[in-house]
Amino acid sequence: MKSDPRDYQLDISSIPKVNAGPAPVTTRPYLSVLFNCCKVYQRVYRDTEGSSYTGRCPKCLRTIRFVVGEGGTAGRSFVVE
């Protein structure tokens, strides 16, 4: 079989590795919310102050707010009627 003159090998061993592993994961707290009004799921992220979670139904734009406080719940999933 005839060889292709464009065949070549590229040596990349001298190129420094930027990030050998997976990208660092930044976790931002969120709640899983099912908006029963439109049967859609939405992640609701905590605000920058860390005092509440505010979200909106992506279809009807109904707004919901969960306040962070002492003696709260460990639950992370909620259904909004």
PDB file of N, CA and C in Angstrom:
ATOM      1  N   MET A   1       0.833  -1.170   0.000  1.00  0.00           N
ATOM      2  CA  MET A   1       0.000   0.000   0.000  1.00  0.00           C
ATOM      3  C   MET A   1       0.883   1.239   0.000  1.00  0.00           C
ATOM      4  N   LYS A   2       0.506   2.195  -0.784  1.00  0.00           N
ATOM      5  CA  LYS A   2       1.272   3.413  -0.926  1.00  0.00           C
ATOM      6  C   LYS A   2       1.034   4.312   0.289  1.00  0.00           C
ATOM      7  N   SER A   3       2.098   4.910   0.825  1.00  0.00           N
ATOM      8  CA  SER A   3       1.935   5.777   1.997  1.00  0.00           C
ATOM      9  C   SER A   3       1.546   7.184   1.560  1.00  0.00           C
ATOM     10  N   ASP A   4       0.827   7.839   2.405  1.00  0.00           N
ATOM     11  CA  ASP A   4       0.370   9.202   2.153  1.00  0.00           C
ATOM     12  C   ASP A   4       1.493  10.166   2.540  1.00  0.00           C
ATOM     13  N   PRO A   5       1.925  11.043   1.646  1.00  0.00           N
ATOM     14  CA  PRO A   5       3.024  11.960   1.979  1.00  0.00           C
ATOM     15  C   PRO A   5       2.638  12.960   3.079  1.00  0.00           C
ATOM     16  N   ARG A   6       1.348  13.077   3.363  1.00  0.00           N
ATOM     17  CA  ARG A   6       0.917  14.006   4.409  1.00  0.00           C
ATOM     18  C   ARG A   6       0.987  13.373   5.792  1.00  0.00           C
ATOM     19  N   ASP A   7       1.272  12.079   5.894  1.00  0.00           N
ATOM     20  CA  ASP A   7       1.364  11.427   7.197  1.00  0.00           C
ATOM     21  C   ASP A   7       2.585  11.957   7.938  1.00  0.00           C
ATOM     22  N   TYR A   8       2.376  12.342   9.181  1.00  0.00           N
ATOM     23  CA  TYR A   8       3.474  12.802  10.014  1.00  0.00           C
ATOM     24  C   TYR A   8       3.105  12.600  11.474  1.00  0.00           C
ATOM     25  N   GLN A   9       4.084  12.699  12.327  1.00  0.00           N
ATOM     26  CA  GLN A   9       3.862  12.600  13.754  1.00  0.00           C
ATOM     27  C   GLN A   9       4.234  13.936  14.376  1.00  0.00           C
ATOM     28  N   LEU A  10       3.401  14.393  15.252  1.00  0.00           N
ATOM     29  CA  LEU A  10       3.620  15.662  15.925  1.00  0.00           C
ATOM     30  C   LEU A  10       3.996  15.382  17.369  1.00  0.00           C
ATOM     31  N   ASP A  11       5.133  15.899  17.792  1.00  0.00           N
ATOM     32  CA  ASP A  11       5.600  15.697  19.159  1.00  0.00           C
ATOM     33  C   ASP A  11       5.083  16.850  20.024  1.00  0.00           C
ATOM     34  N   ILE A  12       4.176  16.543  20.971  1.00  0.00           N
ATOM     35  CA  ILE A  12       3.619  17.581  21.849  1.00  0.00           C
ATOM     36  C   ILE A  12       4.091  17.400  23.300  1.00  0.00           C
ATOM     37  N   SER A  13       5.126  16.597  23.499  1.00  0.00           N
ATOM     38  CA  SER A  13       5.592  16.332  24.858  1.00  0.00           C
ATOM     39  C   SER A  13       6.182  17.568  25.523  1.00  0.00           C
ATOM     40  N   SER A  14       6.612  18.552  24.748  1.00  0.00           N
ATOM     41  CA  SER A  14       7.200  19.757  25.333  1.00  0.00           C
ATOM     42  C   SER A  14       6.157  20.797  25.742  1.00  0.00           C
ATOM     43  N   ILE A  15       4.892  20.598  25.375  1.00  0.00           N
ATOM     44  CA  ILE A  15       3.827  21.534  25.727  1.00  0.00           C
ATOM     45  C   ILE A  15       3.419  21.285  27.172  1.00  0.00           C
ATOM     46  N   PRO A  16       3.457  22.335  28.025  1.00  0.00           N
ATOM     47  CA  PRO A  16       3.086  22.132  29.432  1.00  0.00           C
ATOM     48  C   PRO A  16       1.606  21.817  29.583  1.00  0.00           C
ATOM     49  N   LYS A  17       1.300  20.965  30.558  1.00  0.00           N
ATOM     50  CA  LYS A  17      -0.091  20.612  30.827  1.00  0.00           C
ATOM     51  C   LYS A  17      -0.736  21.730  31.628  1.00  0.00           C
ATOM     52  N   VAL A  18      -1.855  22.233  31.160  1.00  0.00           N
ATOM     53  CA  VAL A  18      -2.551  23.322  31.836  1.00  0.00           C
ATOM     54  C   VAL A  18      -3.393  22.781  32.972  1.00  0.00           C
ATOM     55  N   ASN A  19      -4.222  21.786  32.695  1.00  0.00           N
ATOM     56  CA  ASN A  19      -5.099  21.204  33.701  1.00  0.00           C
ATOM     57  C   ASN A  19      -5.274  19.730  33.372  1.00  0.00           C
ATOM     58  N   ALA A  20      -4.557  18.893  34.103  1.00  0.00           N
ATOM     59  CA  ALA A  20      -4.600  17.466  33.799  1.00  0.00           C
ATOM     60  C   ALA A  20      -5.889  16.804  34.259  1.00  0.00           C
ATOM     61  N   GLY A  21      -6.525  17.354  35.304  1.00  0.00           N
ATOM     62  CA  GLY A  21      -7.728  16.742  35.851  1.00  0.00           C
ATOM     63  C   GLY A  21      -8.980  17.481  35.421  1.00  0.00           C
ATOM     64  N   PRO A  22     -10.101  17.072  35.961  1.00  0.00           N
ATOM     65  CA  PRO A  22     -11.354  17.754  35.632  1.00  0.00           C
ATOM     66  C   PRO A  22     -11.368  19.178  36.201  1.00  0.00           C
ATOM     67  N   ALA A  23     -12.203  20.001  35.633  1.00  0.00           N
ATOM     68  CA  ALA A  23     -12.325  21.384  36.086  1.00  0.00           C
ATOM     69  C   ALA A  23     -12.833  21.416  37.524  1.00  0.00           C
ATOM     70  N   PRO A  24     -12.372  22.372  38.323  1.00  0.00           N
ATOM     71  CA  PRO A  24     -12.855  22.444  39.703  1.00  0.00           C
ATOM     72  C   PRO A  24     -14.349  22.726  39.742  1.00  0.00           C
ATOM     73  N   VAL A  25     -15.002  22.080  40.679  1.00  0.00           N
ATOM     74  CA  VAL A  25     -16.447  22.216  40.797  1.00  0.00           C
ATOM     75  C   VAL A  25     -16.764  23.252  41.875  1.00  0.00           C
ATOM     76  N   THR A  26     -17.526  24.248  41.499  1.00  0.00           N
ATOM     77  CA  THR A  26     -17.971  25.219  42.498  1.00  0.00           C
ATOM     78  C   THR A  26     -19.421  24.907  42.806  1.00  0.00           C
ATOM     79  N   THR A  27     -19.685  24.661  44.062  1.00  0.00           N
ATOM     80  CA  THR A  27     -21.046  24.304  44.442  1.00  0.00           C
ATOM     81  C   THR A  27     -21.774  25.543  44.932  1.00  0.00           C
ATOM     82  N   ARG A  28     -22.882  25.803  44.326  1.00  0.00           N
ATOM     83  CA  ARG A  28     -23.744  26.895  44.735  1.00  0.00           C
ATOM     84  C   ARG A  28     -25.029  26.270  45.243  1.00  0.00           C
ATOM     85  N   PRO A  29     -25.398  26.530  46.498  1.00  0.00           N
ATOM     86  CA  PRO A  29     -26.576  25.882  47.071  1.00  0.00           C
ATOM     87  C   PRO A  29     -27.856  26.185  46.275  1.00  0.00           C
ATOM     88  N   TYR A  30     -28.672  25.156  46.106  1.00  0.00           N
ATOM     89  CA  TYR A  30     -29.951  25.327  45.401  1.00  0.00           C
ATOM     90  C   TYR A  30     -30.992  24.389  45.980  1.00  0.00           C
ATOM     91  N   LEU A  31     -32.241  24.720  45.715  1.00  0.00           N
ATOM     92  CA  LEU A  31     -33.372  23.869  46.064  1.00  0.00           C
ATOM     93  C   LEU A  31     -33.984  23.343  44.777  1.00  0.00           C
ATOM     94  N   SER A  32     -34.518  22.136  44.834  1.00  0.00           N
ATOM     95  CA  SER A  32     -35.249  21.569  43.700  1.00  0.00           C
ATOM     96  C   SER A  32     -36.722  21.885  43.918  1.00  0.00           C
ATOM     97  N   VAL A  33     -37.317  22.616  42.997  1.00  0.00           N
ATOM     98  CA  VAL A  33     -38.703  23.046  43.167  1.00  0.00           C
ATOM     99  C   VAL A  33     -39.528  22.596  41.972  1.00  0.00           C
ATOM    100  N   LEU A  34     -40.657  21.942  42.261  1.00  0.00           N
ATOM    101  CA  LEU A  34     -41.618  21.583  41.224  1.00  0.00           C
ATOM    102  C   LEU A  34     -42.774  22.572  41.329  1.00  0.00           C
ATOM    103  N   PHE A  35     -42.968  23.360  40.287  1.00  0.00           N
ATOM    104  CA  PHE A  35     -44.091  24.294  40.236  1.00  0.00           C
ATOM    105  C   PHE A  35     -45.289  23.532  39.676  1.00  0.00           C
ATOM    106  N   ASN A  36     -46.229  23.178  40.557  1.00  0.00           N
ATOM    107  CA  ASN A  36     -47.397  22.407  40.158  1.00  0.00           C
ATOM    108  C   ASN A  36     -48.316  23.207  39.231  1.00  0.00           C
ATOM    109  N   CYS A  37     -48.239  24.530  39.288  1.00  0.00           N
ATOM    110  CA  CYS A  37     -49.091  25.370  38.444  1.00  0.00           C
ATOM    111  C   CYS A  37     -48.890  25.053  36.960  1.00  0.00           C
ATOM    112  N   CYS A  38     -47.659  24.809  36.557  1.00  0.00           N
ATOM    113  CA  CYS A  38     -47.351  24.537  35.150  1.00  0.00           C
ATOM    114  C   CYS A  38     -46.631  23.211  34.938  1.00  0.00           C
ATOM    115  N   LYS A  39     -46.511  22.422  36.024  1.00  0.00           N
ATOM    116  CA  LYS A  39     -45.860  21.109  35.961  1.00  0.00           C
ATOM    117  C   LYS A  39     -44.436  21.206  35.419  1.00  0.00           C
ATOM    118  N   VAL A  40     -43.661  22.146  35.966  1.00  0.00           N
ATOM    119  CA  VAL A  40     -42.269  22.298  35.556  1.00  0.00           C
ATOM    120  C   VAL A  40     -41.363  22.302  36.780  1.00  0.00           C
ATOM    121  N   TYR A  41     -40.165  21.792  36.571  1.00  0.00           N
ATOM    122  CA  TYR A  41     -39.139  21.730  37.606  1.00  0.00           C
ATOM    123  C   TYR A  41     -38.179  22.892  37.393  1.00  0.00           C
ATOM    124  N   GLN A  42     -37.719  23.461  38.483  1.00  0.00           N
ATOM    125  CA  GLN A  42     -36.776  24.575  38.394  1.00  0.00           C
ATOM    126  C   GLN A  42     -35.812  24.483  39.563  1.00  0.00           C
ATOM    127  N   ARG A  43     -34.548  24.757  39.328  1.00  0.00           N
ATOM    128  CA  ARG A  43     -33.598  24.915  40.420  1.00  0.00           C
ATOM    129  C   ARG A  43     -33.707  26.341  40.921  1.00  0.00           C
ATOM    130  N   VAL A  44     -33.743  26.500  42.225  1.00  0.00           N
ATOM    131  CA  VAL A  44     -33.827  27.829  42.828  1.00  0.00           C
ATOM    132  C   VAL A  44     -32.558  28.014  43.650  1.00  0.00           C
ATOM    133  N   TYR A  45     -31.724  28.964  43.238  1.00  0.00           N
ATOM    134  CA  TYR A  45     -30.430  29.174  43.870  1.00  0.00           C
ATOM    135  C   TYR A  45     -30.506  30.191  45.004  1.00  0.00           C
ATOM    136  N   ARG A  46     -29.627  30.023  45.987  1.00  0.00           N
ATOM    137  CA  ARG A  46     -29.560  30.924  47.129  1.00  0.00           C
ATOM    138  C   ARG A  46     -28.982  32.271  46.687  1.00  0.00           C
ATOM    139  N   ASP A  47     -29.475  33.352  47.276  1.00  0.00           N
ATOM    140  CA  ASP A  47     -28.979  34.686  46.918  1.00  0.00           C
ATOM    141  C   ASP A  47     -27.572  34.904  47.464  1.00  0.00           C
ATOM    142  N   THR A  48     -26.940  35.984  47.038  1.00  0.00           N
ATOM    143  CA  THR A  48     -25.554  36.241  47.413  1.00  0.00           C
ATOM    144  C   THR A  48     -25.374  36.511  48.900  1.00  0.00           C
ATOM    145  N   GLU A  49     -26.396  37.028  49.567  1.00  0.00           N
ATOM    146  CA  GLU A  49     -26.310  37.274  51.008  1.00  0.00           C
ATOM    147  C   GLU A  49     -26.475  35.990  51.813  1.00  0.00           C
ATOM    148  N   GLY A  50     -27.043  34.953  51.203  1.00  0.00           N
ATOM    149  CA  GLY A  50     -27.262  33.686  51.883  1.00  0.00           C
ATOM    150  C   GLY A  50     -28.487  33.686  52.772  1.00  0.00           C
ATOM    151  N   SER A  51     -29.386  34.655  52.572  1.00  0.00           N
ATOM    152  CA  SER A  51     -30.550  34.769  53.453  1.00  0.00           C
ATOM    153  C   SER A  51     -31.811  34.122  52.902  1.00  0.00           C
ATOM    154  N   SER A  52     -31.878  33.890  51.597  1.00  0.00           N
ATOM    155  CA  SER A  52     -33.090  33.295  51.024  1.00  0.00           C
ATOM    156  C   SER A  52     -32.814  32.684  49.657  1.00  0.00           C
ATOM    157  N   TYR A  53     -33.799  31.906  49.229  1.00  0.00           N
ATOM    158  CA  TYR A  53     -33.818  31.327  47.883  1.00  0.00           C
ATOM    159  C   TYR A  53     -35.034  31.934  47.191  1.00  0.00           C
ATOM    160  N   THR A  54     -34.837  32.578  46.063  1.00  0.00           N
ATOM    161  CA  THR A  54     -35.944  33.178  45.338  1.00  0.00           C
ATOM    162  C   THR A  54     -35.968  32.609  43.926  1.00  0.00           C
ATOM    163  N   GLY A  55     -37.134  32.119  43.514  1.00  0.00           N
ATOM    164  CA  GLY A  55     -37.258  31.533  42.192  1.00  0.00           C
ATOM    165  C   GLY A  55     -38.542  31.944  41.516  1.00  0.00           C
ATOM    166  N   ARG A  56     -38.639  31.579  40.251  1.00  0.00           N
ATOM    167  CA  ARG A  56     -39.802  31.947  39.452  1.00  0.00           C
ATOM    168  C   ARG A  56     -40.141  30.814  38.509  1.00  0.00           C
ATOM    169  N   CYS A  57     -41.430  30.531  38.389  1.00  0.00           N
ATOM    170  CA  CYS A  57     -41.883  29.518  37.440  1.00  0.00           C
ATOM    171  C   CYS A  57     -41.495  29.983  36.035  1.00  0.00           C
ATOM    172  N   PRO A  58     -40.833  29.134  35.256  1.00  0.00           N
ATOM    173  CA  PRO A  58     -40.397  29.563  33.930  1.00  0.00           C
ATOM    174  C   PRO A  58     -41.527  29.759  32.925  1.00  0.00           C
ATOM    175  N   LYS A  59     -42.727  29.264  33.241  1.00  0.00           N
ATOM    176  CA  LYS A  59     -43.852  29.424  32.301  1.00  0.00           C
ATOM    177  C   LYS A  59     -44.781  30.566  32.677  1.00  0.00           C
ATOM    178  N   CYS A  60     -45.298  30.549  33.915  1.00  0.00           N
ATOM    179  CA  CYS A  60     -46.285  31.574  34.300  1.00  0.00           C
ATOM    180  C   CYS A  60     -45.669  32.712  35.120  1.00  0.00           C
ATOM    181  N   LEU A  61     -44.369  32.584  35.447  1.00  0.00           N
ATOM    182  CA  LEU A  61     -43.611  33.610  36.177  1.00  0.00           C
ATOM    183  C   LEU A  61     -44.057  33.824  37.617  1.00  0.00           C
ATOM    184  N   ARG A  62     -44.733  32.850  38.195  1.00  0.00           N
ATOM    185  CA  ARG A  62     -45.099  32.927  39.609  1.00  0.00           C
ATOM    186  C   ARG A  62     -43.815  32.927  40.435  1.00  0.00           C
ATOM    187  N   THR A  63     -43.723  33.825  41.407  1.00  0.00           N
ATOM    188  CA  THR A  63     -42.529  33.963  42.223  1.00  0.00           C
ATOM    189  C   THR A  63     -42.701  33.251  43.561  1.00  0.00           C
ATOM    190  N   ILE A  64     -41.613  32.619  44.017  1.00  0.00           N
ATOM    191  CA  ILE A  64     -41.617  31.923  45.296  1.00  0.00           C
ATOM    192  C   ILE A  64     -40.335  32.299  46.032  1.00  0.00           C
ATOM    193  N   ARG A  65     -40.428  32.396  47.365  1.00  0.00           N
ATOM    194  CA  ARG A  65     -39.258  32.754  48.167  1.00  0.00           C
ATOM    195  C   ARG A  65     -39.190  31.838  49.382  1.00  0.00           C
ATOM    196  N   PHE A  66     -38.025  31.258  49.605  1.00  0.00           N
ATOM    197  CA  PHE A  66     -37.749  30.417  50.766  1.00  0.00           C
ATOM    198  C   PHE A  66     -36.730  31.154  51.617  1.00  0.00           C
ATOM    199  N   VAL A  67     -37.070  31.426  52.874  1.00  0.00           N
ATOM    200  CA  VAL A  67     -36.176  32.151  53.774  1.00  0.00           C
ATOM    201  C   VAL A  67     -35.301  31.163  54.532  1.00  0.00           C
ATOM    202  N   VAL A  68     -34.025  31.486  54.648  1.00  0.00           N
ATOM    203  CA  VAL A  68     -33.084  30.665  55.402  1.00  0.00           C
ATOM    204  C   VAL A  68     -33.115  31.142  56.848  1.00  0.00           C
ATOM    205  N   GLY A  69     -33.294  30.212  57.769  1.00  0.00           N
ATOM    206  CA  GLY A  69     -33.348  30.608  59.173  1.00  0.00           C
ATOM    207  C   GLY A  69     -32.991  29.469  60.100  1.00  0.00           C
ATOM    208  N   GLU A  70     -32.825  29.792  61.364  1.00  0.00           N
ATOM    209  CA  GLU A  70     -32.533  28.775  62.372  1.00  0.00           C
ATOM    210  C   GLU A  70     -33.705  27.821  62.511  1.00  0.00           C
ATOM    211  N   GLY A  71     -33.387  26.568  62.762  1.00  0.00           N
ATOM    212  CA  GLY A  71     -34.434  25.575  62.954  1.00  0.00           C
ATOM    213  C   GLY A  71     -35.195  25.258  61.680  1.00  0.00           C
ATOM    214  N   GLY A  72     -34.591  25.521  60.541  1.00  0.00           N
ATOM    215  CA  GLY A  72     -35.245  25.257  59.253  1.00  0.00           C
ATOM    216  C   GLY A  72     -35.320  23.769  58.971  1.00  0.00           C
ATOM    217  N   THR A  73     -35.387  23.424  57.718  1.00  0.00           N
ATOM    218  CA  THR A  73     -35.502  22.034  57.303  1.00  0.00           C
ATOM    219  C   THR A  73     -34.257  21.594  56.550  1.00  0.00           C
ATOM    220  N   ALA A  74     -33.985  20.320  56.579  1.00  0.00           N
ATOM    221  CA  ALA A  74     -32.876  19.759  55.819  1.00  0.00           C
ATOM    222  C   ALA A  74     -33.340  19.354  54.420  1.00  0.00           C
ATOM    223  N   GLY A  75     -34.640  19.504  54.141  1.00  0.00           N
ATOM    224  CA  GLY A  75     -35.191  19.146  52.840  1.00  0.00           C
ATOM    225  C   GLY A  75     -34.625  20.015  51.731  1.00  0.00           C
ATOM    226  N   ARG A  76     -34.401  19.422  50.577  1.00  0.00           N
ATOM    227  CA  ARG A  76     -33.864  20.155  49.437  1.00  0.00           C
ATOM    228  C   ARG A  76     -34.826  20.160  48.250  1.00  0.00           C
ATOM    229  N   SER A  77     -35.929  19.427  48.346  1.00  0.00           N
ATOM    230  CA  SER A  77     -36.898  19.342  47.252  1.00  0.00           C
ATOM    231  C   SER A  77     -38.275  19.760  47.767  1.00  0.00           C
ATOM    232  N   PHE A  78     -38.945  20.611  46.962  1.00  0.00           N
ATOM    233  CA  PHE A  78     -40.233  21.141  47.373  1.00  0.00           C
ATOM    234  C   PHE A  78     -41.197  21.170  46.199  1.00  0.00           C
ATOM    235  N   VAL A  79     -42.493  21.080  46.517  1.00  0.00           N
ATOM    236  CA  VAL A  79     -43.551  21.211  45.516  1.00  0.00           C
ATOM    237  C   VAL A  79     -44.338  22.456  45.866  1.00  0.00           C
ATOM    238  N   VAL A  80     -44.470  23.360  44.898  1.00  0.00           N
ATOM    239  CA  VAL A  80     -45.220  24.604  45.101  1.00  0.00           C
ATOM    240  C   VAL A  80     -46.580  24.426  44.449  1.00  0.00           C
ATOM    241  N   GLU A  81     -47.632  24.544  45.230  1.00  0.00           N
ATOM    242  CA  GLU A  81     -48.981  24.346  44.716  1.00  0.00           C
ATOM    243  C   GLU A  81     -49.496  25.570  43.983  1.00  0.00           C
TER     244      GLU A  81
END
